[in-house]
Amino acid sequence: MKQTGRLKEILESDTELVVVYAIKEHVRDLLKSNTPEAFAAGWEKLSASVKASGLDEAKSLLRTFTAWKKELETYCLTLAGQCPK
């Protein structure tokens, strides 16, 4: 709980950091995708978040992810197939 409180305190002090942290969380969610539908939904969420942010660094990250989109999806779905049921 102490770490969560500290994180909240830090995020409250910097609006840009809140946006970057949210984008990072979208990336984490995307990489946890285990179906093509979940990947597509995660991709849309990440894209919308990056576009809304207006941050050049975030847009650069999205361009990189876009270049690797098929590979990222294959990675996620391959990993999902290796998880025990």
Protein backbone atom coordinates (compact mmCIF):
# COMPACT_ATOMS: atom_id res chain seq x y z
CA MET A 1 0.00 0.00 0.00
CA LYS A 2 2.84 2.37 0.72
CA GLN A 3 4.11 2.11 -2.88
CA THR A 4 0.62 2.64 -4.31
CA GLY A 5 0.19 5.75 -2.21
CA ARG A 6 3.56 7.10 -3.28
CA LEU A 7 2.76 6.42 -6.95
CA LYS A 8 -0.54 8.26 -6.62
CA GLU A 9 1.23 11.19 -4.97
CA ILE A 10 3.81 11.39 -7.76
CA LEU A 11 1.22 11.12 -10.52
CA GLU A 12 -0.92 13.86 -8.97
CA SER A 13 2.01 16.25 -9.24
CA ASP A 14 2.62 15.87 -13.00
CA THR A 15 -0.13 15.73 -15.62
CA GLU A 16 2.21 14.65 -18.43
CA LEU A 17 3.50 11.81 -16.29
CA VAL A 18 -0.09 10.62 -15.75
CA VAL A 19 -0.56 10.44 -19.52
CA VAL A 20 2.70 8.57 -20.06
CA TYR A 21 1.89 6.16 -17.23
CA ALA A 22 -1.54 5.45 -18.74
CA ILE A 23 0.05 4.73 -22.13
CA LYS A 24 2.51 2.38 -20.43
CA GLU A 25 -0.42 0.55 -18.86
CA HIS A 26 -2.09 0.25 -22.28
CA VAL A 27 1.11 -1.29 -23.63
CA ARG A 28 1.16 -3.78 -20.74
CA ASP A 29 -2.46 -4.70 -21.41
CA LEU A 30 -1.76 -5.10 -25.13
CA LEU A 31 1.13 -7.45 -24.44
CA LYS A 32 -1.12 -9.58 -22.21
CA SER A 33 -3.54 -10.20 -25.10
CA ASN A 34 -4.34 -13.85 -25.65
CA THR A 35 -6.82 -13.70 -28.54
CA PRO A 36 -6.85 -11.79 -31.82
CA GLU A 37 -9.93 -9.89 -30.59
CA ALA A 38 -8.23 -8.87 -27.36
CA PHE A 39 -5.16 -7.73 -29.30
CA ALA A 40 -7.32 -5.65 -31.67
CA ALA A 41 -9.17 -4.05 -28.75
CA GLY A 42 -5.91 -3.34 -26.92
CA TRP A 43 -4.40 -1.90 -30.08
CA GLU A 44 -7.33 0.47 -30.54
CA LYS A 45 -7.14 1.57 -26.92
CA LEU A 46 -3.39 2.22 -27.19
CA SER A 47 -3.72 4.07 -30.50
CA ALA A 48 -6.53 6.29 -29.24
CA SER A 49 -4.61 7.07 -26.05
CA VAL A 50 -1.44 7.99 -27.92
CA LYS A 51 -3.28 10.16 -30.43
CA ALA A 52 -5.16 11.95 -27.65
CA SER A 53 -1.95 12.57 -25.72
CA GLY A 54 -0.36 14.80 -28.34
CA LEU A 55 3.08 13.75 -27.07
CA ASP A 56 5.77 13.36 -29.73
CA GLU A 57 7.48 10.58 -27.77
CA ALA A 58 4.25 8.61 -27.54
CA LYS A 59 3.62 9.05 -31.25
CA SER A 60 7.13 7.79 -31.95
CA LEU A 61 6.46 4.75 -29.79
CA LEU A 62 3.23 4.06 -31.68
CA ARG A 63 5.05 4.30 -35.02
CA THR A 64 7.54 1.71 -33.79
CA PHE A 65 4.76 -0.53 -32.51
CA THR A 66 2.91 -0.11 -35.81
CA ALA A 67 5.99 -1.28 -37.71
CA TRP A 68 6.09 -4.37 -35.47
CA LYS A 69 2.33 -4.86 -35.07
CA LYS A 70 2.09 -8.28 -36.73
CA GLU A 71 5.13 -9.55 -34.82
CA LEU A 72 3.73 -8.24 -31.53
CA GLU A 73 0.42 -9.97 -32.16
CA THR A 74 2.16 -13.22 -33.07
CA TYR A 75 4.26 -12.98 -29.91
CA CYS A 76 1.20 -12.42 -27.70
CA LEU A 77 -0.80 -15.23 -29.27
CA THR A 78 2.15 -17.63 -29.21
CA LEU A 79 2.72 -16.93 -25.53
CA ALA A 80 -0.99 -17.44 -24.83
CA GLY A 81 -0.83 -20.82 -26.53
CA GLN A 82 1.97 -21.89 -24.19
CA CYS A 83 0.11 -21.08 -20.99
CA PRO A 84 -1.36 -24.10 -19.18
CA LYS A 85 -5.15 -24.23 -19.27
